[in-house]
Full PDB file with SEQRES, HELIX, SHEET, SSBOND, CRYST1, ORIGX, SCALE, CONECT and MASTER records, all heavy atoms in Angstrom:
SEQRES   1 A   45  PRO THR THR ARG CYS ALA LYS VAL ARG ALA PRO MET ASP          
SEQRES   2 A   45  TRP ALA ALA PRO ASP ALA HIS PRO ASP ILE GLU VAL ALA          
SEQRES   3 A   45  ILE ALA TYR SER GLU ALA THR GLY THR SER GLN GLY LEU          
SEQRES   4 A   45  MET MET THR ASN PRO GLY                                      
SHEET    1 AA1 2 ARG A   4  ALA A  10  0                                        
SHEET    2 AA1 2 ILE A  23  TYR A  29 -1                                        
CRYST1    1.000    1.000    1.000  90.00  90.00  90.00 P 1           1          
ORIGX1      1.000000  0.000000  0.000000        0.00000                         
ORIGX2      0.000000  1.000000  0.000000        0.00000                         
ORIGX3      0.000000  0.000000  1.000000        0.00000                         
SCALE1      1.000000  0.000000  0.000000        0.00000                         
SCALE2      0.000000  1.000000  0.000000        0.00000                         
SCALE3      0.000000  0.000000  1.000000        0.00000                         
ATOM      1  N   PRO A   1     -11.717   6.398 -13.309  1.00  0.00           N  
ATOM      2  CA  PRO A   1     -10.331   5.921 -13.084  1.00  0.00           C  
ATOM      3  C   PRO A   1     -10.343   4.427 -12.934  1.00  0.00           C  
ATOM      4  O   PRO A   1     -11.347   3.765 -12.600  1.00  0.00           O  
ATOM      5  CB  PRO A   1      -9.885   6.670 -11.908  1.00  0.00           C  
ATOM      6  CG  PRO A   1     -11.123   6.861 -11.132  1.00  0.00           C  
ATOM      7  CD  PRO A   1     -12.189   7.141 -12.134  1.00  0.00           C  
ATOM      8  N   THR A   2      -9.124   3.793 -13.088  1.00  0.00           N  
ATOM      9  CA  THR A   2      -9.079   2.330 -12.834  1.00  0.00           C  
ATOM     10  C   THR A   2      -9.212   2.125 -11.347  1.00  0.00           C  
ATOM     11  O   THR A   2      -8.569   2.760 -10.461  1.00  0.00           O  
ATOM     12  CB  THR A   2      -7.713   1.861 -13.334  1.00  0.00           C  
ATOM     13  OG1 THR A   2      -7.629   2.023 -14.768  1.00  0.00           O  
ATOM     14  CG2 THR A   2      -7.452   0.374 -12.980  1.00  0.00           C  
ATOM     15  N   THR A   3     -10.000   1.173 -11.024  1.00  0.00           N  
ATOM     16  CA  THR A   3     -10.170   0.726  -9.601  1.00  0.00           C  
ATOM     17  C   THR A   3      -9.317  -0.549  -9.419  1.00  0.00           C  
ATOM     18  O   THR A   3      -9.562  -1.563 -10.112  1.00  0.00           O  
ATOM     19  CB  THR A   3     -11.671   0.431  -9.253  1.00  0.00           C  
ATOM     20  OG1 THR A   3     -12.508   1.577  -9.608  1.00  0.00           O  
ATOM     21  CG2 THR A   3     -11.801   0.066  -7.832  1.00  0.00           C  
ATOM     22  N   ARG A   4      -8.413  -0.432  -8.365  1.00  0.00           N  
ATOM     23  CA  ARG A   4      -7.555  -1.503  -8.118  1.00  0.00           C  
ATOM     24  C   ARG A   4      -7.875  -2.202  -6.787  1.00  0.00           C  
ATOM     25  O   ARG A   4      -8.469  -1.541  -5.843  1.00  0.00           O  
ATOM     26  CB  ARG A   4      -6.105  -1.071  -8.039  1.00  0.00           C  
ATOM     27  CG  ARG A   4      -5.557  -0.529  -9.393  1.00  0.00           C  
ATOM     28  CD  ARG A   4      -4.198   0.024  -9.209  1.00  0.00           C  
ATOM     29  NE  ARG A   4      -4.137   1.229  -8.328  1.00  0.00           N  
ATOM     30  CZ  ARG A   4      -3.055   1.641  -7.623  1.00  0.00           C  
ATOM     31  NH1 ARG A   4      -1.936   0.937  -7.786  1.00  0.00           N  
ATOM     32  NH2 ARG A   4      -3.184   2.673  -6.722  1.00  0.00           N  
ATOM     33  N   CYS A   5      -7.787  -3.489  -6.643  1.00  0.00           N  
ATOM     34  CA  CYS A   5      -8.108  -4.251  -5.505  1.00  0.00           C  
ATOM     35  C   CYS A   5      -6.898  -4.894  -4.794  1.00  0.00           C  
ATOM     36  O   CYS A   5      -5.883  -5.117  -5.468  1.00  0.00           O  
ATOM     37  CB  CYS A   5      -9.145  -5.294  -5.865  1.00  0.00           C  
ATOM     38  SG  CYS A   5     -10.808  -4.695  -6.180  1.00  0.00           S  
ATOM     39  N   ALA A   6      -7.043  -5.093  -3.601  1.00  0.00           N  
ATOM     40  CA  ALA A   6      -5.959  -5.680  -2.844  1.00  0.00           C  
ATOM     41  C   ALA A   6      -6.559  -6.239  -1.482  1.00  0.00           C  
ATOM     42  O   ALA A   6      -7.658  -5.882  -1.072  1.00  0.00           O  
ATOM     43  CB  ALA A   6      -4.819  -4.781  -2.516  1.00  0.00           C  
ATOM     44  N   LYS A   7      -5.697  -6.946  -0.796  1.00  0.00           N  
ATOM     45  CA  LYS A   7      -6.083  -7.414   0.612  1.00  0.00           C  
ATOM     46  C   LYS A   7      -4.924  -7.038   1.531  1.00  0.00           C  
ATOM     47  O   LYS A   7      -3.786  -7.218   1.221  1.00  0.00           O  
ATOM     48  CB  LYS A   7      -6.295  -9.017   0.704  1.00  0.00           C  
ATOM     49  CG  LYS A   7      -7.555  -9.459  -0.095  1.00  0.00           C  
ATOM     50  CD  LYS A   7      -7.777 -10.916  -0.008  1.00  0.00           C  
ATOM     51  CE  LYS A   7      -8.977 -11.355  -0.739  1.00  0.00           C  
ATOM     52  NZ  LYS A   7      -9.290 -12.728  -0.651  1.00  0.00           N  
ATOM     53  N   VAL A   8      -5.307  -6.335   2.617  1.00  0.00           N  
ATOM     54  CA  VAL A   8      -4.295  -5.937   3.537  1.00  0.00           C  
ATOM     55  C   VAL A   8      -4.420  -6.802   4.864  1.00  0.00           C  
ATOM     56  O   VAL A   8      -5.475  -7.201   5.235  1.00  0.00           O  
ATOM     57  CB  VAL A   8      -4.392  -4.391   3.886  1.00  0.00           C  
ATOM     58  CG1 VAL A   8      -4.263  -3.611   2.622  1.00  0.00           C  
ATOM     59  CG2 VAL A   8      -5.758  -4.089   4.465  1.00  0.00           C  
ATOM     60  N   ARG A   9      -3.278  -6.978   5.520  1.00  0.00           N  
ATOM     61  CA  ARG A   9      -3.258  -7.807   6.702  1.00  0.00           C  
ATOM     62  C   ARG A   9      -3.638  -6.934   7.919  1.00  0.00           C  
ATOM     63  O   ARG A   9      -3.219  -5.728   7.989  1.00  0.00           O  
ATOM     64  CB  ARG A   9      -1.853  -8.337   6.951  1.00  0.00           C  
ATOM     65  CG  ARG A   9      -1.468  -9.466   6.071  1.00  0.00           C  
ATOM     66  CD  ARG A   9      -0.109 -10.127   6.325  1.00  0.00           C  
ATOM     67  NE  ARG A   9       1.000  -9.098   6.209  1.00  0.00           N  
ATOM     68  CZ  ARG A   9       1.627  -8.423   7.219  1.00  0.00           C  
ATOM     69  NH1 ARG A   9       1.230  -8.666   8.508  1.00  0.00           N  
ATOM     70  NH2 ARG A   9       2.567  -7.590   7.011  1.00  0.00           N  
ATOM     71  N   ALA A  10      -4.412  -7.511   8.830  1.00  0.00           N  
ATOM     72  CA  ALA A  10      -4.672  -6.752  10.033  1.00  0.00           C  
ATOM     73  C   ALA A  10      -4.739  -7.827  11.179  1.00  0.00           C  
ATOM     74  O   ALA A  10      -4.945  -9.051  10.900  1.00  0.00           O  
ATOM     75  CB  ALA A  10      -6.158  -6.152   9.927  1.00  0.00           C  
ATOM     76  N   PRO A  11      -4.579  -7.394  12.440  1.00  0.00           N  
ATOM     77  CA  PRO A  11      -4.780  -8.333  13.601  1.00  0.00           C  
ATOM     78  C   PRO A  11      -6.112  -8.980  13.656  1.00  0.00           C  
ATOM     79  O   PRO A  11      -7.103  -8.185  13.425  1.00  0.00           O  
ATOM     80  CB  PRO A  11      -4.425  -7.508  14.706  1.00  0.00           C  
ATOM     81  CG  PRO A  11      -3.791  -6.228  14.298  1.00  0.00           C  
ATOM     82  CD  PRO A  11      -4.396  -6.032  12.888  1.00  0.00           C  
ATOM     83  N   MET A  12      -6.312 -10.119  14.074  1.00  0.00           N  
ATOM     84  CA  MET A  12      -7.560 -10.719  14.309  1.00  0.00           C  
ATOM     85  C   MET A  12      -8.173 -10.014  15.502  1.00  0.00           C  
ATOM     86  O   MET A  12      -9.406  -9.625  15.529  1.00  0.00           O  
ATOM     87  CB  MET A  12      -7.472 -12.246  14.600  1.00  0.00           C  
ATOM     88  CG  MET A  12      -8.907 -12.855  14.899  1.00  0.00           C  
ATOM     89  SD  MET A  12      -8.800 -14.631  15.180  1.00  0.00           S  
ATOM     90  CE  MET A  12      -8.245 -15.271  13.593  1.00  0.00           C  
ATOM     91  N   ASP A  13      -7.333  -9.697  16.553  1.00  0.00           N  
ATOM     92  CA  ASP A  13      -7.788  -8.968  17.689  1.00  0.00           C  
ATOM     93  C   ASP A  13      -6.806  -7.842  17.907  1.00  0.00           C  
ATOM     94  O   ASP A  13      -5.704  -8.032  18.278  1.00  0.00           O  
ATOM     95  CB  ASP A  13      -7.730  -9.913  18.965  1.00  0.00           C  
ATOM     96  CG  ASP A  13      -8.213  -9.131  20.240  1.00  0.00           C  
ATOM     97  OD1 ASP A  13      -8.708  -8.009  20.081  1.00  0.00           O  
ATOM     98  OD2 ASP A  13      -7.959  -9.766  21.237  1.00  0.00           O  
ATOM     99  N   TRP A  14      -7.340  -6.631  17.709  1.00  0.00           N  
ATOM    100  CA  TRP A  14      -6.463  -5.392  17.852  1.00  0.00           C  
ATOM    101  C   TRP A  14      -5.947  -5.247  19.291  1.00  0.00           C  
ATOM    102  O   TRP A  14      -4.959  -4.602  19.487  1.00  0.00           O  
ATOM    103  CB  TRP A  14      -7.238  -4.199  17.371  1.00  0.00           C  
ATOM    104  CG  TRP A  14      -7.201  -4.051  15.857  1.00  0.00           C  
ATOM    105  CD1 TRP A  14      -8.124  -4.520  14.957  1.00  0.00           C  
ATOM    106  CD2 TRP A  14      -6.129  -3.392  15.100  1.00  0.00           C  
ATOM    107  NE1 TRP A  14      -7.818  -4.056  13.710  1.00  0.00           N  
ATOM    108  CE2 TRP A  14      -6.590  -3.429  13.719  1.00  0.00           C  
ATOM    109  CE3 TRP A  14      -4.963  -2.764  15.428  1.00  0.00           C  
ATOM    110  CZ2 TRP A  14      -5.723  -2.984  12.702  1.00  0.00           C  
ATOM    111  CZ3 TRP A  14      -4.208  -2.336  14.402  1.00  0.00           C  
ATOM    112  CH2 TRP A  14      -4.575  -2.350  13.075  1.00  0.00           C  
ATOM    113  N   ALA A  15      -6.679  -5.843  20.256  1.00  0.00           N  
ATOM    114  CA  ALA A  15      -6.222  -5.636  21.667  1.00  0.00           C  
ATOM    115  C   ALA A  15      -5.056  -6.590  21.917  1.00  0.00           C  
ATOM    116  O   ALA A  15      -4.356  -6.375  22.864  1.00  0.00           O  
ATOM    117  CB  ALA A  15      -7.322  -6.009  22.574  1.00  0.00           C  
ATOM    118  N   ALA A  16      -4.881  -7.643  21.108  1.00  0.00           N  
ATOM    119  CA  ALA A  16      -3.801  -8.612  21.289  1.00  0.00           C  
ATOM    120  C   ALA A  16      -3.283  -9.083  19.972  1.00  0.00           C  
ATOM    121  O   ALA A  16      -3.590 -10.213  19.509  1.00  0.00           O  
ATOM    122  CB  ALA A  16      -4.243  -9.709  22.182  1.00  0.00           C  
ATOM    123  N   PRO A  17      -2.559  -8.238  19.245  1.00  0.00           N  
ATOM    124  CA  PRO A  17      -2.168  -8.571  17.840  1.00  0.00           C  
ATOM    125  C   PRO A  17      -1.390  -9.841  17.665  1.00  0.00           C  
ATOM    126  O   PRO A  17      -1.467 -10.422  16.651  1.00  0.00           O  
ATOM    127  CB  PRO A  17      -1.387  -7.341  17.447  1.00  0.00           C  
ATOM    128  CG  PRO A  17      -1.804  -6.232  18.311  1.00  0.00           C  
ATOM    129  CD  PRO A  17      -2.079  -6.893  19.661  1.00  0.00           C  
ATOM    130  N   ASP A  18      -0.612 -10.268  18.705  1.00  0.00           N  
ATOM    131  CA  ASP A  18       0.173 -11.390  18.587  1.00  0.00           C  
ATOM    132  C   ASP A  18      -0.444 -12.714  19.045  1.00  0.00           C  
ATOM    133  O   ASP A  18       0.115 -13.818  18.970  1.00  0.00           O  
ATOM    134  CB  ASP A  18       1.474 -11.231  19.428  1.00  0.00           C  
ATOM    135  CG  ASP A  18       2.373 -10.089  18.890  1.00  0.00           C  
ATOM    136  OD1 ASP A  18       2.380  -9.825  17.687  1.00  0.00           O  
ATOM    137  OD2 ASP A  18       2.920  -9.291  19.701  1.00  0.00           O  
ATOM    138  N   ALA A  19      -1.727 -12.613  19.487  1.00  0.00           N  
ATOM    139  CA  ALA A  19      -2.352 -13.716  20.180  1.00  0.00           C  
ATOM    140  C   ALA A  19      -3.060 -14.711  19.205  1.00  0.00           C  
ATOM    141  O   ALA A  19      -3.420 -15.831  19.532  1.00  0.00           O  
ATOM    142  CB  ALA A  19      -3.391 -13.336  21.298  1.00  0.00           C  
ATOM    143  N   HIS A  20      -3.270 -14.277  17.936  1.00  0.00           N  
ATOM    144  CA  HIS A  20      -4.090 -14.990  16.929  1.00  0.00           C  
ATOM    145  C   HIS A  20      -3.441 -14.750  15.631  1.00  0.00           C  
ATOM    146  O   HIS A  20      -2.703 -13.756  15.395  1.00  0.00           O  
ATOM    147  CB  HIS A  20      -5.536 -14.463  16.926  1.00  0.00           C  
ATOM    148  CG  HIS A  20      -6.204 -14.469  18.220  1.00  0.00           C  
ATOM    149  ND1 HIS A  20      -6.748 -15.588  18.806  1.00  0.00           N  
ATOM    150  CD2 HIS A  20      -6.376 -13.462  19.124  1.00  0.00           C  
ATOM    151  CE1 HIS A  20      -7.350 -15.268  19.959  1.00  0.00           C  
ATOM    152  NE2 HIS A  20      -7.038 -14.043  20.219  1.00  0.00           N  
ATOM    153  N   PRO A  21      -3.768 -15.617  14.686  1.00  0.00           N  
ATOM    154  CA  PRO A  21      -3.286 -15.328  13.228  1.00  0.00           C  
ATOM    155  C   PRO A  21      -3.825 -14.083  12.640  1.00  0.00           C  
ATOM    156  O   PRO A  21      -4.870 -13.579  13.059  1.00  0.00           O  
ATOM    157  CB  PRO A  21      -3.832 -16.609  12.485  1.00  0.00           C  
ATOM    158  CG  PRO A  21      -4.103 -17.552  13.508  1.00  0.00           C  
ATOM    159  CD  PRO A  21      -4.528 -16.915  14.741  1.00  0.00           C  
ATOM    160  N   ASP A  22      -3.200 -13.470  11.804  1.00  0.00           N  
ATOM    161  CA  ASP A  22      -3.695 -12.255  11.154  1.00  0.00           C  
ATOM    162  C   ASP A  22      -4.833 -12.597  10.254  1.00  0.00           C  
ATOM    163  O   ASP A  22      -5.080 -13.793   9.840  1.00  0.00           O  
ATOM    164  CB  ASP A  22      -2.593 -11.599  10.228  1.00  0.00           C  
ATOM    165  CG  ASP A  22      -1.544 -10.938  11.002  1.00  0.00           C  
ATOM    166  OD1 ASP A  22      -1.773 -10.640  12.222  1.00  0.00           O  
ATOM    167  OD2 ASP A  22      -0.432 -10.634  10.435  1.00  0.00           O  
ATOM    168  N   ILE A  23      -5.630 -11.538   9.925  1.00  0.00           N  
ATOM    169  CA  ILE A  23      -6.726 -11.777   8.957  1.00  0.00           C  
ATOM    170  C   ILE A  23      -6.473 -10.789   7.762  1.00  0.00           C  
ATOM    171  O   ILE A  23      -5.518 -10.043   7.808  1.00  0.00           O  
ATOM    172  CB  ILE A  23      -8.176 -11.411   9.574  1.00  0.00           C  
ATOM    173  CG1 ILE A  23      -8.121  -9.837   9.940  1.00  0.00           C  
ATOM    174  CG2 ILE A  23      -8.450 -12.262  10.666  1.00  0.00           C  
ATOM    175  CD1 ILE A  23      -9.486  -9.317  10.140  1.00  0.00           C  
ATOM    176  N   GLU A  24      -7.228 -11.009   6.732  1.00  0.00           N  
ATOM    177  CA  GLU A  24      -7.112 -10.031   5.577  1.00  0.00           C  
ATOM    178  C   GLU A  24      -8.447  -9.266   5.354  1.00  0.00           C  
ATOM    179  O   GLU A  24      -9.513  -9.781   5.605  1.00  0.00           O  
ATOM    180  CB  GLU A  24      -6.868 -10.808   4.306  1.00  0.00           C  
ATOM    181  CG  GLU A  24      -5.426 -11.495   4.300  1.00  0.00           C  
ATOM    182  CD  GLU A  24      -5.171 -12.208   2.941  1.00  0.00           C  
ATOM    183  OE1 GLU A  24      -6.088 -12.830   2.455  1.00  0.00           O  
ATOM    184  OE2 GLU A  24      -3.996 -12.162   2.559  1.00  0.00           O  
ATOM    185  N   VAL A  25      -8.208  -7.959   5.010  1.00  0.00           N  
ATOM    186  CA  VAL A  25      -9.321  -7.106   4.691  1.00  0.00           C  
ATOM    187  C   VAL A  25      -9.240  -6.728   3.275  1.00  0.00           C  
ATOM    188  O   VAL A  25      -8.250  -6.153   2.832  1.00  0.00           O  
ATOM    189  CB  VAL A  25      -9.358  -5.881   5.633  1.00  0.00           C  
ATOM    190  CG1 VAL A  25     -10.398  -4.950   5.254  1.00  0.00           C  
ATOM    191  CG2 VAL A  25      -9.521  -6.285   7.057  1.00  0.00           C  
ATOM    192  N   ALA A  26     -10.291  -7.026   2.470  1.00  0.00           N  
ATOM    193  CA  ALA A  26     -10.362  -6.635   1.031  1.00  0.00           C  
ATOM    194  C   ALA A  26     -10.686  -5.203   0.850  1.00  0.00           C  
ATOM    195  O   ALA A  26     -11.686  -4.707   1.426  1.00  0.00           O  
ATOM    196  CB  ALA A  26     -11.299  -7.605   0.354  1.00  0.00           C  
ATOM    197  N   ILE A  27      -9.904  -4.499   0.033  1.00  0.00           N  
ATOM    198  CA  ILE A  27     -10.223  -3.103  -0.248  1.00  0.00           C  
ATOM    199  C   ILE A  27     -10.086  -2.824  -1.792  1.00  0.00           C  
ATOM    200  O   ILE A  27      -9.483  -3.638  -2.589  1.00  0.00           O  
ATOM    201  CB  ILE A  27      -9.186  -2.146   0.465  1.00  0.00           C  
ATOM    202  CG1 ILE A  27      -7.742  -2.429   0.068  1.00  0.00           C  
ATOM    203  CG2 ILE A  27      -9.410  -2.254   1.920  1.00  0.00           C  
ATOM    204  CD1 ILE A  27      -6.684  -1.434   0.604  1.00  0.00           C  
ATOM    205  N   ALA A  28     -10.839  -1.868  -2.178  1.00  0.00           N  
ATOM    206  CA  ALA A  28     -10.761  -1.408  -3.596  1.00  0.00           C  
ATOM    207  C   ALA A  28     -10.450   0.080  -3.618  1.00  0.00           C  
ATOM    208  O   ALA A  28     -10.917   0.883  -2.765  1.00  0.00           O  
ATOM    209  CB  ALA A  28     -12.119  -1.591  -4.369  1.00  0.00           C  
ATOM    210  N   TYR A  29      -9.624   0.585  -4.544  1.00  0.00           N  
ATOM    211  CA  TYR A  29      -9.129   1.948  -4.469  1.00  0.00           C  
ATOM    212  C   TYR A  29      -8.921   2.506  -5.850  1.00  0.00           C  
ATOM    213  O   TYR A  29      -8.506   1.902  -6.814  1.00  0.00           O  
ATOM    214  CB  TYR A  29      -7.730   1.939  -3.785  1.00  0.00           C  
ATOM    215  CG  TYR A  29      -6.999   3.311  -3.686  1.00  0.00           C  
ATOM    216  CD1 TYR A  29      -7.604   4.339  -2.793  1.00  0.00           C  
ATOM    217  CD2 TYR A  29      -5.873   3.565  -4.343  1.00  0.00           C  
ATOM    218  CE1 TYR A  29      -6.870   5.494  -2.729  1.00  0.00           C  
ATOM    219  CE2 TYR A  29      -5.219   4.698  -4.223  1.00  0.00           C  
ATOM    220  CZ  TYR A  29      -5.774   5.728  -3.412  1.00  0.00           C  
ATOM    221  OH  TYR A  29      -5.089   6.977  -3.346  1.00  0.00           O  
ATOM    222  N   SER A  30      -9.404   3.769  -5.951  1.00  0.00           N  
ATOM    223  CA  SER A  30      -9.115   4.540  -7.253  1.00  0.00           C  
ATOM    224  C   SER A  30      -8.729   5.944  -6.846  1.00  0.00           C  
ATOM    225  O   SER A  30      -9.122   6.532  -5.844  1.00  0.00           O  
ATOM    226  CB  SER A  30     -10.365   4.608  -8.098  1.00  0.00           C  
ATOM    227  OG  SER A  30     -11.453   5.292  -7.441  1.00  0.00           O  
ATOM    228  N   GLU A  31      -7.863   6.578  -7.656  1.00  0.00           N  
ATOM    229  CA  GLU A  31      -7.351   7.912  -7.364  1.00  0.00           C  
ATOM    230  C   GLU A  31      -8.229   8.935  -8.052  1.00  0.00           C  
ATOM    231  O   GLU A  31      -8.735   8.725  -9.233  1.00  0.00           O  
ATOM    232  CB  GLU A  31      -5.922   8.054  -7.869  1.00  0.00           C  
ATOM    233  CG  GLU A  31      -4.940   7.203  -6.987  1.00  0.00           C  
ATOM    234  CD  GLU A  31      -3.464   7.388  -7.437  1.00  0.00           C  
ATOM    235  OE1 GLU A  31      -3.244   8.025  -8.535  1.00  0.00           O  
ATOM    236  OE2 GLU A  31      -2.619   6.833  -6.837  1.00  0.00           O  
ATOM    237  N   ALA A  32      -8.429  10.082  -7.495  1.00  0.00           N  
ATOM    238  CA  ALA A  32      -9.248  11.148  -8.107  1.00  0.00           C  
ATOM    239  C   ALA A  32      -8.669  11.622  -9.468  1.00  0.00           C  
ATOM    240  O   ALA A  32      -7.427  11.645  -9.583  1.00  0.00           O  
ATOM    241  CB  ALA A  32      -9.241  12.342  -7.082  1.00  0.00           C  
ATOM    242  N   THR A  33      -9.586  11.800 -10.344  1.00  0.00           N  
ATOM    243  CA  THR A  33      -9.130  12.289 -11.627  1.00  0.00           C  
ATOM    244  C   THR A  33      -8.780  13.753 -11.713  1.00  0.00           C  
ATOM    245  O   THR A  33      -8.220  14.263 -12.653  1.00  0.00           O  
ATOM    246  CB  THR A  33     -10.206  11.906 -12.747  1.00  0.00           C  
ATOM    247  OG1 THR A  33     -11.474  12.604 -12.389  1.00  0.00           O  
ATOM    248  CG2 THR A  33     -10.391  10.404 -12.795  1.00  0.00           C  
ATOM    249  N   GLY A  34      -9.317  14.473 -10.711  1.00  0.00           N  
ATOM    250  CA  GLY A  34      -9.021  15.844 -10.553  1.00  0.00           C  
ATOM    251  C   GLY A  34      -8.133  16.158  -9.274  1.00  0.00           C  
ATOM    252  O   GLY A  34      -7.449  15.214  -8.844  1.00  0.00           O  
ATOM    253  N   THR A  35      -8.255  17.258  -8.731  1.00  0.00           N  
ATOM    254  CA  THR A  35      -7.603  17.556  -7.479  1.00  0.00           C  
ATOM    255  C   THR A  35      -8.312  16.941  -6.344  1.00  0.00           C  
ATOM    256  O   THR A  35      -9.432  17.236  -6.014  1.00  0.00           O  
ATOM    257  CB  THR A  35      -7.429  19.104  -7.266  1.00  0.00           C  
ATOM    258  OG1 THR A  35      -6.708  19.629  -8.296  1.00  0.00           O  
ATOM    259  CG2 THR A  35      -6.706  19.307  -5.903  1.00  0.00           C  
ATOM    260  N   SER A  36      -7.675  15.889  -5.602  1.00  0.00           N  
ATOM    261  CA  SER A  36      -8.368  15.183  -4.622  1.00  0.00           C  
ATOM    262  C   SER A  36      -8.626  16.018  -3.392  1.00  0.00           C  
ATOM    263  O   SER A  36      -7.717  16.760  -2.871  1.00  0.00           O  
ATOM    264  CB  SER A  36      -7.436  13.952  -4.233  1.00  0.00           C  
ATOM    265  OG  SER A  36      -8.137  13.281  -3.156  1.00  0.00           O  
ATOM    266  N   GLN A  37      -9.860  15.926  -2.863  1.00  0.00           N  
ATOM    267  CA  GLN A  37     -10.206  16.557  -1.641  1.00  0.00           C  
ATOM    268  C   GLN A  37      -9.967  15.605  -0.421  1.00  0.00           C  
ATOM    269  O   GLN A  37     -10.011  16.021   0.722  1.00  0.00           O  
ATOM    270  CB  GLN A  37     -11.742  16.900  -1.575  1.00  0.00           C  
ATOM    271  CG  GLN A  37     -12.056  17.999  -2.539  1.00  0.00           C  
ATOM    272  CD  GLN A  37     -13.349  18.704  -2.112  1.00  0.00           C  
ATOM    273  OE1 GLN A  37     -13.551  19.072  -1.086  1.00  0.00           O  
ATOM    274  NE2 GLN A  37     -14.240  18.917  -3.113  1.00  0.00           N  
ATOM    275  N   GLY A  38      -9.679  14.370  -0.742  1.00  0.00           N  
ATOM    276  CA  GLY A  38      -9.440  13.462   0.393  1.00  0.00           C  
ATOM    277  C   GLY A  38      -9.807  12.019   0.050  1.00  0.00           C  
ATOM    278  O   GLY A  38     -10.014  11.675  -1.083  1.00  0.00           O  
ATOM    279  N   LEU A  39      -9.876  11.148   1.124  1.00  0.00           N  
ATOM    280  CA  LEU A  39     -10.138   9.807   0.934  1.00  0.00           C  
ATOM    281  C   LEU A  39     -11.551   9.461   1.331  1.00  0.00           C  
ATOM    282  O   LEU A  39     -11.913   9.681   2.540  1.00  0.00           O  
ATOM    283  CB  LEU A  39      -9.127   8.923   1.730  1.00  0.00           C  
ATOM    284  CG  LEU A  39      -9.299   7.384   1.732  1.00  0.00           C  
ATOM    285  CD1 LEU A  39      -8.895   6.896   0.279  1.00  0.00           C  
ATOM    286  CD2 LEU A  39      -8.384   6.666   2.746  1.00  0.00           C  
ATOM    287  N   MET A  40     -12.362   9.021   0.406  1.00  0.00           N  
ATOM    288  CA  MET A  40     -13.797   8.768   0.741  1.00  0.00           C  
ATOM    289  C   MET A  40     -14.040   7.179   0.791  1.00  0.00           C  
ATOM    290  O   MET A  40     -13.742   6.476  -0.103  1.00  0.00           O  
ATOM    291  CB  MET A  40     -14.664   9.368  -0.326  1.00  0.00           C  
ATOM    292  CG  MET A  40     -16.201   8.990  -0.216  1.00  0.00           C  
ATOM    293  SD  MET A  40     -16.876   9.779   1.179  1.00  0.00           S  
ATOM    294  CE  MET A  40     -17.051  11.537   0.643  1.00  0.00           C  
ATOM    295  N   MET A  41     -14.435   6.771   1.999  1.00  0.00           N  
ATOM    296  CA  MET A  41     -14.920   5.419   2.177  1.00  0.00           C  
ATOM    297  C   MET A  41     -16.406   5.340   2.247  1.00  0.00           C  
ATOM    298  O   MET A  41     -17.123   6.295   2.660  1.00  0.00           O  
ATOM    299  CB  MET A  41     -14.229   4.833   3.382  1.00  0.00           C  
ATOM    300  CG  MET A  41     -14.487   3.337   3.714  1.00  0.00           C  
ATOM    301  SD  MET A  41     -13.715   2.781   5.328  1.00  0.00           S  
ATOM    302  CE  MET A  41     -11.983   2.712   4.730  1.00  0.00           C  
ATOM    303  N   THR A  42     -16.930   4.086   1.999  1.00  0.00           N  
ATOM    304  CA  THR A  42     -18.448   3.944   2.063  1.00  0.00           C  
ATOM    305  C   THR A  42     -18.741   2.569   2.757  1.00  0.00           C  
ATOM    306  O   THR A  42     -17.881   1.693   2.910  1.00  0.00           O  
ATOM    307  CB  THR A  42     -19.074   3.958   0.662  1.00  0.00           C  
ATOM    308  OG1 THR A  42     -18.512   2.953  -0.097  1.00  0.00           O  
ATOM    309  CG2 THR A  42     -18.822   5.337   0.005  1.00  0.00           C  
ATOM    310  N   ASN A  43     -19.939   2.418   3.219  1.00  0.00           N  
ATOM    311  CA  ASN A  43     -20.491   1.194   3.655  1.00  0.00           C  
ATOM    312  C   ASN A  43     -21.990   1.055   3.352  1.00  0.00           C  
ATOM    313  O   ASN A  43     -22.709   2.016   3.545  1.00  0.00           O  
ATOM    314  CB  ASN A  43     -20.273   1.122   5.197  1.00  0.00           C  
ATOM    315  CG  ASN A  43     -20.776  -0.244   5.715  1.00  0.00           C  
ATOM    316  OD1 ASN A  43     -21.917  -0.429   6.068  1.00  0.00           O  
ATOM    317  ND2 ASN A  43     -19.863  -1.193   5.786  1.00  0.00           N  
ATOM    318  N   PRO A  44     -22.381  -0.147   2.873  1.00  0.00           N  
ATOM    319  CA  PRO A  44     -23.758  -0.222   2.435  1.00  0.00           C  
ATOM    320  C   PRO A  44     -24.760  -0.624   3.430  1.00  0.00           C  
ATOM    321  O   PRO A  44     -25.996  -0.626   3.223  1.00  0.00           O  
ATOM    322  CB  PRO A  44     -23.683  -1.376   1.315  1.00  0.00           C  
ATOM    323  CG  PRO A  44     -22.607  -2.247   1.850  1.00  0.00           C  
ATOM    324  CD  PRO A  44     -21.548  -1.282   2.490  1.00  0.00           C  
ATOM    325  N   GLY A  45     -24.290  -1.104   4.640  1.00  0.00           N  
ATOM    326  CA  GLY A  45     -25.245  -1.477   5.685  1.00  0.00           C  
ATOM    327  C   GLY A  45     -25.079  -2.957   6.104  1.00  0.00           C  
ATOM    328  O   GLY A  45     -24.040  -3.548   5.692  1.00  0.00           O  
TER     329      GLY A  45                                                      
MASTER        0    0    0    0    2    0    0    6  328    1    0    4          
END                                                                             
């Protein structure tokens, strides 16, 4: 499937979201070509 990319806003500090500028987190997303069992995330280390 087509993999789409975006950046989402998040607090720099989740304990004090208003104390610092926001940051961006880059994500890539594709939808299951069959019946989806859920959302699978990965991390390489």
